[in-house]
């Protein structure tokens, strides 16, 4: 459990913190005089994380903290880049001292950029370390009686992410049969790479291909590249808007439908927000053609992800839309899918 506390809440908890018996010996003091006893887990330049036996994990705004005292040594990196290992103590007036085997240094809480346990890795270096994460999900539905229906949907995604860039491979297959008639038979495979080259600015390349036999598409492919901008870039929420150029190919089985082979624009939106343990994800792409702006494709997906008892397993609830403004003969423009899927994540 993680709790975020501001000055008024801290004043109340200070009383509990001062009278608690203690397995913990670190102390944090705030501007309004509150003193909280616990174990300093980390300082990241924005928030001080404190583990307590009376209120679980607390996160206090670093700008509200005037002193930190620790019983055990920590690695401390200052905003200047200086790193020193030692215990932290308050020297009054908002100042702190870091004392260790390599000497001592006086500073203030506001200049602490990061702390981490001895033997652990600097969070700034850890953020640049590449590591793969994986997920697979499956959704199987069926019905018998007045109507025979069976549906199977599955997808997989592998992501390699750092603070600088993100590489993703993904694949999904959806097959639905109702009264012996296929209502969905779609495969998509894709790759997406984004590089944050300067602050909130990024460049990207992506490619997606597959087939959609219900829509008479034997093979389709969309390749795109362009620039992106992070309108929101926070620990628990990101909103990235993209714009660039694309090439669309759609090969139809019915010879009466003309294949699509043309360049166009590529617009996209990727949004992720965490609500406690819940996560909301929104993805949208829009690809019109230069030769005919009324010929475009919109692909959208939104879902909530809810953790289960085992955090590696999640329940995903959402919907997806696939809109083709000029589909094949006798094909509807819009397909909407509602889904409930079981998701497995691992590293």
Protein backbone atom coordinates (compact mmCIF):
# COMPACT_ATOMS: atom_id res chain seq x y z
CA UNK A 1 0.00 0.00 0.00
CA UNK A 2 1.33 3.42 -0.98
CA UNK A 3 -0.12 6.61 0.49
CA UNK A 4 0.59 10.18 -0.58
CA UNK A 5 0.52 12.71 2.24
CA UNK A 6 0.45 16.48 2.26
CA UNK A 7 1.06 18.84 5.25
CA UNK A 8 -2.36 18.51 6.97
CA UNK A 9 -2.27 14.73 6.84
CA UNK A 10 1.32 14.73 8.06
CA UNK A 11 0.40 16.67 11.19
CA UNK A 12 -2.02 13.92 12.20
CA UNK A 13 0.36 11.10 11.40
CA UNK A 14 3.20 12.80 13.23
CA UNK A 15 1.57 11.98 16.57
CA UNK A 16 1.31 8.32 15.62
CA UNK A 17 4.85 8.35 14.29
CA UNK A 18 6.32 9.77 17.48
CA UNK A 19 4.65 7.29 19.81
CA UNK A 20 5.21 4.20 17.68
CA UNK A 21 7.67 1.68 19.05
CA UNK A 22 10.37 1.18 16.86
CA UNK A 23 11.80 -1.13 14.63
CA UNK A 24 12.44 1.96 12.50
CA UNK A 25 14.84 4.75 13.45
CA UNK A 26 14.91 7.17 10.49
CA UNK A 27 13.16 10.52 10.93
CA UNK A 28 11.69 13.01 8.47
CA UNK A 29 10.66 16.52 9.53
CA UNK A 30 8.39 18.71 7.42
CA UNK A 31 7.94 22.48 7.16
CA UNK A 32 4.92 22.45 9.47
CA UNK A 33 6.91 20.72 12.23
CA UNK A 34 5.61 17.19 11.74
CA UNK A 35 8.11 14.43 12.54
CA UNK A 36 7.61 11.02 10.95
CA UNK A 37 9.52 7.95 12.07
CA UNK A 38 10.11 5.05 9.72
CA UNK A 39 12.64 3.75 7.23
CA UNK A 40 13.72 6.04 4.38
CA UNK A 41 13.32 3.91 1.24
CA UNK A 42 14.32 6.49 -1.34
CA UNK A 43 14.56 10.13 -2.30
CA UNK A 44 14.17 10.87 -6.02
CA UNK A 45 14.35 14.66 -6.26
CA UNK A 46 10.56 15.00 -6.04
CA UNK A 47 9.31 12.61 -3.37
CA UNK A 48 10.68 11.12 -0.15
CA UNK A 49 9.45 7.53 0.33
CA UNK A 50 9.14 6.39 3.96
CA UNK A 51 8.22 2.87 5.09
CA UNK A 52 6.37 2.86 8.42
CA UNK A 53 4.88 0.19 10.67
CA UNK A 54 1.86 2.38 11.47
CA UNK A 55 0.74 3.59 8.00
CA UNK A 56 2.54 1.47 5.41
CA UNK A 57 4.46 3.23 2.65
CA UNK A 58 4.20 7.03 2.73
CA UNK A 59 5.29 9.42 0.00
CA UNK A 60 5.97 13.01 1.08
CA UNK A 61 6.65 15.91 -1.25
CA UNK A 62 10.38 16.59 -1.05
CA UNK A 63 9.68 20.34 -1.18
CA UNK A 64 7.84 19.96 2.17
CA UNK A 65 10.74 18.16 3.89
CA UNK A 66 13.28 20.23 5.85
CA UNK A 67 15.35 17.47 7.44
CA UNK A 68 16.17 13.78 7.08
CA UNK A 69 17.95 11.61 9.63
CA UNK A 70 18.90 8.01 8.85
CA UNK A 71 20.20 5.28 11.12
CA UNK A 72 21.82 3.28 8.29
CA UNK A 73 24.05 4.55 5.46
CA UNK A 74 22.65 5.33 2.03
CA UNK A 75 24.20 6.24 -1.30
CA UNK A 76 23.30 9.88 -1.92
CA UNK A 77 23.58 11.66 -5.27
CA UNK A 78 23.26 15.45 -5.23
CA UNK A 79 21.91 17.62 -8.06
CA UNK A 80 25.54 18.57 -8.82
CA UNK A 81 26.34 14.92 -9.56
CA UNK A 82 28.41 14.30 -6.40
CA UNK A 83 27.82 10.84 -4.89
CA UNK A 84 28.64 10.03 -1.26
CA UNK A 85 27.77 7.05 0.93
CA UNK A 86 26.93 7.65 4.56
CA UNK A 87 24.32 8.34 7.18
CA UNK A 88 22.24 11.50 6.91
CA UNK A 89 21.69 13.81 9.88
CA UNK A 90 19.97 17.14 10.41
CA UNK A 91 22.17 20.10 11.33
CA UNK A 92 19.33 22.61 11.79
CA UNK A 93 17.88 25.36 9.66
CA UNK A 94 16.93 22.96 6.87
CA UNK A 95 20.52 21.75 6.42
CA UNK A 96 21.68 18.13 6.49
CA UNK A 97 25.04 16.42 6.75
CA UNK A 98 26.11 13.21 5.01
CA UNK A 99 28.85 11.43 6.93
CA UNK A 100 30.62 8.29 5.72
CA UNK A 101 34.00 6.57 5.40
CA UNK A 102 34.94 8.87 2.50
CA UNK A 103 34.32 12.02 4.50
CA UNK A 104 31.37 14.29 5.21
CA UNK A 105 29.44 16.87 3.26
CA UNK A 106 26.91 19.54 4.23
CA UNK A 107 23.95 20.35 1.99
CA UNK A 108 20.16 20.67 2.19
CA UNK A 109 17.28 18.33 1.37
CA UNK A 110 16.37 20.18 -1.83
CA UNK A 111 19.74 19.34 -3.39
CA UNK A 112 19.35 15.57 -2.94
CA UNK A 113 18.62 14.13 -6.40
CA UNK A 114 18.51 10.44 -5.48
CA UNK A 115 19.28 7.91 -2.76
CA UNK A 116 19.66 4.14 -2.92
CA UNK A 117 20.81 1.31 -0.67
CA UNK A 118 24.50 0.36 -0.51
CA UNK A 119 25.21 -2.36 -3.07
CA UNK A 120 22.20 -1.40 -5.19
CA UNK A 121 22.37 0.35 -8.56
CA UNK A 122 22.03 4.09 -9.08
CA UNK A 123 18.40 4.63 -10.24
CA UNK A 124 19.65 6.82 -13.11
CA UNK A 125 21.78 3.94 -14.42
CA UNK A 126 19.02 1.40 -13.78
CA UNK A 127 16.64 3.54 -15.89
CA UNK A 128 19.02 3.19 -18.85
CA UNK A 129 19.41 -0.55 -18.46
CA UNK A 130 17.59 -2.46 -21.19
CA UNK A 131 15.32 -5.27 -20.08
CA UNK A 132 12.62 -7.19 -21.91
CA UNK A 133 9.09 -7.46 -20.56
CA UNK A 134 6.50 -9.82 -22.01
CA UNK A 135 2.75 -10.27 -21.95
CA UNK A 136 0.28 -12.73 -23.44
CA UNK A 137 -3.49 -12.62 -23.22
CA UNK A 138 -6.31 -14.94 -24.27
CA UNK A 139 -10.09 -14.70 -24.55
CA UNK A 140 -12.23 -17.76 -25.32
CA UNK A 141 -16.03 -17.56 -25.54
CA UNK A 142 -18.69 -20.05 -26.60
CA UNK A 143 -22.41 -20.63 -26.80
CA UNK A 144 -24.68 -23.55 -27.72
CA UNK A 145 -28.44 -23.99 -27.99
CA UNK A 146 -30.52 -21.68 -30.14
CA UNK A 147 -27.31 -20.22 -31.49
CA UNK A 148 -23.93 -21.85 -31.97
CA UNK A 149 -21.01 -19.54 -31.35
CA UNK A 150 -17.32 -19.88 -30.53
CA UNK A 151 -14.67 -17.22 -30.38
CA UNK A 152 -10.94 -17.21 -29.74
CA UNK A 153 -8.70 -14.17 -29.43
CA UNK A 154 -5.08 -14.11 -28.33
CA UNK A 155 -2.24 -11.63 -28.45
CA UNK A 156 1.37 -11.27 -27.34
CA UNK A 157 3.67 -8.29 -26.83
CA UNK A 158 7.41 -8.01 -26.08
CA UNK A 159 8.81 -4.63 -25.00
CA UNK A 160 12.38 -3.41 -24.54
CA UNK A 161 12.22 -0.11 -22.69
CA UNK A 162 14.61 2.45 -21.23
CA UNK A 163 14.24 6.11 -20.28
CA UNK A 164 15.59 6.92 -23.76
CA UNK A 165 13.69 4.61 -26.10
CA UNK A 166 11.09 1.85 -26.43
CA UNK A 167 11.01 -1.08 -28.83
CA UNK A 168 7.86 -3.23 -29.07
CA UNK A 169 6.94 -6.34 -31.03
CA UNK A 170 3.32 -7.49 -30.99
CA UNK A 171 0.99 -9.99 -32.61
CA UNK A 172 -2.68 -10.86 -32.26
CA UNK A 173 -5.21 -13.22 -33.80
CA UNK A 174 -9.01 -13.03 -33.59
CA UNK A 175 -11.36 -15.73 -34.89
CA UNK A 176 -15.11 -15.77 -34.29
CA UNK A 177 -17.63 -18.24 -35.72
CA UNK A 178 -21.39 -17.82 -35.34
CA UNK A 179 -23.73 -20.53 -36.69
CA UNK A 180 -20.86 -21.92 -38.78
CA UNK A 181 -20.23 -18.50 -40.35
CA UNK A 182 -17.02 -16.60 -39.69
CA UNK A 183 -17.58 -13.15 -38.25
CA UNK A 184 -13.89 -12.49 -37.55
CA UNK A 185 -10.67 -13.92 -38.96
CA UNK A 186 -7.90 -11.40 -38.46
CA UNK A 187 -4.15 -11.59 -37.89
CA UNK A 188 -1.90 -8.63 -37.17
CA UNK A 189 1.85 -8.54 -36.53
CA UNK A 190 3.77 -5.35 -35.89
CA UNK A 191 6.84 -3.56 -34.57
CA UNK A 192 7.07 -0.06 -33.07
CA UNK A 193 10.21 1.87 -32.10
CA UNK A 194 10.24 5.28 -30.35
CA UNK A 195 13.34 7.29 -29.42
CA UNK A 196 13.05 10.27 -27.06
CA UNK A 197 15.93 12.26 -28.50
CA UNK A 198 15.26 15.57 -26.71
CA UNK A 199 13.11 16.12 -23.63
CA UNK A 200 9.50 15.59 -24.65
CA UNK A 201 10.34 15.20 -28.35
CA UNK A 202 10.75 11.82 -30.02
CA UNK A 203 10.96 10.15 -33.41
CA UNK A 204 9.35 6.85 -34.31
CA UNK A 205 9.08 4.15 -36.95
CA UNK A 206 6.42 1.47 -37.06
CA UNK A 207 5.22 -1.30 -39.32
CA UNK A 208 2.12 -3.49 -39.09
CA UNK A 209 0.87 -6.20 -41.41
CA UNK A 210 -1.48 -9.15 -41.55
CA UNK A 211 -4.80 -10.19 -43.06
CA UNK A 212 -8.53 -9.77 -42.43
CA UNK A 213 -10.40 -12.45 -44.35
CA UNK A 214 -13.86 -11.36 -43.24
CA UNK A 215 -13.11 -7.95 -44.76
CA UNK A 216 -11.75 -9.68 -47.89
CA UNK A 217 -8.19 -8.42 -47.21
CA UNK A 218 -5.67 -11.10 -48.17
CA UNK A 219 -2.72 -8.99 -47.03
CA UNK A 220 -2.32 -5.51 -45.61
CA UNK A 221 0.66 -3.48 -44.45
CA UNK A 222 1.09 -0.01 -42.97
CA UNK A 223 4.59 1.43 -42.58
CA UNK A 224 5.06 4.86 -41.00
CA UNK A 225 7.69 7.19 -39.55
CA UNK A 226 7.60 10.63 -38.00
CA UNK A 227 7.92 12.76 -34.86
CA UNK A 228 6.21 12.62 -31.50
CA UNK A 229 5.61 14.98 -28.58
CA UNK A 230 4.85 14.09 -24.94
CA UNK A 231 2.05 16.39 -23.77
CA UNK A 232 2.13 14.52 -20.45
CA UNK A 233 5.23 12.74 -19.18
CA UNK A 234 4.81 11.80 -15.51
CA UNK A 235 5.57 8.66 -13.47
CA UNK A 236 1.91 7.55 -13.51
CA UNK A 237 0.66 9.11 -16.74
CA UNK A 238 1.95 9.62 -20.29
CA UNK A 239 0.27 11.17 -23.32
CA UNK A 240 2.19 11.08 -26.61
CA UNK A 241 0.91 12.50 -29.90
CA UNK A 242 2.58 11.49 -33.18
CA UNK A 243 2.60 12.77 -36.74
CA UNK A 244 4.42 11.59 -39.85
CA UNK A 245 4.23 9.88 -43.25
CA UNK A 246 2.90 6.43 -44.07
CA UNK A 247 2.59 3.90 -46.87
CA UNK A 248 -0.55 1.74 -46.96
CA UNK A 249 -1.03 -1.48 -48.87
CA UNK A 250 -4.26 -3.47 -48.89
CA UNK A 251 -4.62 -6.43 -51.26
CA UNK A 252 -8.21 -7.66 -51.74
CA UNK A 253 -9.25 -11.14 -52.78
CA UNK A 254 -12.26 -9.88 -54.76
CA UNK A 255 -10.91 -8.59 -58.12
CA UNK A 256 -13.79 -6.08 -58.23
CA UNK A 257 -12.17 -4.19 -55.33
CA UNK A 258 -9.14 -2.10 -56.25
CA UNK A 259 -6.02 -2.71 -54.15
CA UNK A 260 -4.62 0.18 -52.12
CA UNK A 261 -0.97 1.13 -52.76
CA UNK A 262 -0.37 4.72 -51.74
CA UNK A 263 1.45 7.11 -49.44
CA UNK A 264 -0.29 9.27 -46.89
CA UNK A 265 -0.17 10.81 -43.46
CA UNK A 266 0.15 9.04 -40.13
CA UNK A 267 -1.29 10.40 -36.89
CA UNK A 268 -1.29 8.59 -33.57
CA UNK A 269 -2.05 8.95 -29.89
CA UNK A 270 -0.77 6.79 -27.03
CA UNK A 271 -2.08 7.39 -23.51
CA UNK A 272 -1.44 5.46 -20.27
CA UNK A 273 -2.64 6.39 -16.79
CA UNK A 274 -2.38 4.52 -13.49
CA UNK A 275 -5.19 4.70 -10.91
CA UNK A 276 -3.66 3.00 -7.88
CA UNK A 277 -3.25 -0.60 -9.02
CA UNK A 278 -5.48 -0.12 -12.07
CA UNK A 279 -4.10 0.97 -15.45
CA UNK A 280 -5.96 2.61 -18.32
CA UNK A 281 -4.52 2.42 -21.86
CA UNK A 282 -5.73 4.26 -24.99
CA UNK A 283 -4.21 3.82 -28.47
CA UNK A 284 -5.34 5.50 -31.68
CA UNK A 285 -3.99 5.72 -35.24
CA UNK A 286 -5.37 7.62 -38.26
CA UNK A 287 -3.94 7.13 -41.77
CA UNK A 288 -5.42 9.13 -44.69
CA UNK A 289 -4.03 8.89 -48.24
CA UNK A 290 -2.55 11.84 -50.13
CA UNK A 291 -4.32 10.93 -53.37
CA UNK A 292 -7.70 10.79 -51.63
CA UNK A 293 -8.09 12.13 -48.09
CA UNK A 294 -11.54 10.55 -47.90
CA UNK A 295 -9.77 7.17 -48.02
CA UNK A 296 -8.48 6.56 -44.52
CA UNK A 297 -8.22 3.95 -41.79
CA UNK A 298 -8.72 4.49 -38.05
CA UNK A 299 -7.67 1.87 -35.51
CA UNK A 300 -8.53 2.39 -31.84
CA UNK A 301 -8.14 0.38 -28.62
CA UNK A 302 -9.01 1.32 -25.01
CA UNK A 303 -8.90 -0.91 -21.95
CA UNK A 304 -8.62 -1.09 -18.18
CA UNK A 305 -6.16 -3.55 -16.66
CA UNK A 306 -6.96 -4.85 -13.16
CA UNK A 307 -4.37 -6.83 -11.14
CA UNK A 308 -5.36 -10.18 -9.64
CA UNK A 309 -4.11 -11.87 -6.47
CA UNK A 310 -0.91 -12.87 -8.26
CA UNK A 311 0.43 -9.57 -9.70
CA UNK A 312 1.73 -11.40 -12.80
CA UNK A 313 -1.90 -12.02 -13.80
CA UNK A 314 -4.31 -9.25 -14.77
CA UNK A 315 -7.83 -8.89 -16.09
CA UNK A 316 -8.21 -6.66 -19.15
CA UNK A 317 -11.57 -5.08 -19.98
CA UNK A 318 -11.96 -2.95 -23.07
CA UNK A 319 -13.02 -2.37 -26.65
CA UNK A 320 -11.40 -1.89 -30.05
CA UNK A 321 -12.59 -0.23 -33.25
CA UNK A 322 -11.34 -0.74 -36.81
CA UNK A 323 -12.76 1.73 -39.35
CA UNK A 324 -11.97 1.65 -43.08
CA UNK A 325 -13.65 4.52 -44.96
CA UNK A 326 -13.57 2.63 -48.28
CA UNK A 327 -13.82 -1.11 -47.60
CA UNK A 328 -14.32 -3.92 -50.09
CA UNK A 329 -17.64 -4.71 -51.74
CA UNK A 330 -20.45 -5.56 -49.29
CA UNK A 331 -18.17 -4.96 -46.28
CA UNK A 332 -19.14 -2.75 -43.35
CA UNK A 333 -16.85 0.21 -42.64
CA UNK A 334 -16.70 -0.25 -38.85
CA UNK A 335 -15.90 -3.29 -36.70
CA UNK A 336 -16.22 -2.92 -32.91
CA UNK A 337 -15.04 -5.60 -30.51
CA UNK A 338 -15.71 -5.74 -26.76
CA UNK A 339 -13.37 -7.98 -24.81
CA UNK A 340 -12.54 -9.44 -21.42
CA UNK A 341 -9.10 -11.07 -21.42
CA UNK A 342 -6.80 -12.80 -18.98
CA UNK A 343 -3.27 -11.37 -19.20
CA UNK A 344 0.04 -12.83 -18.02
CA UNK A 345 3.05 -10.49 -17.60
CA UNK A 346 6.64 -11.45 -16.89
CA UNK A 347 10.23 -10.33 -17.35
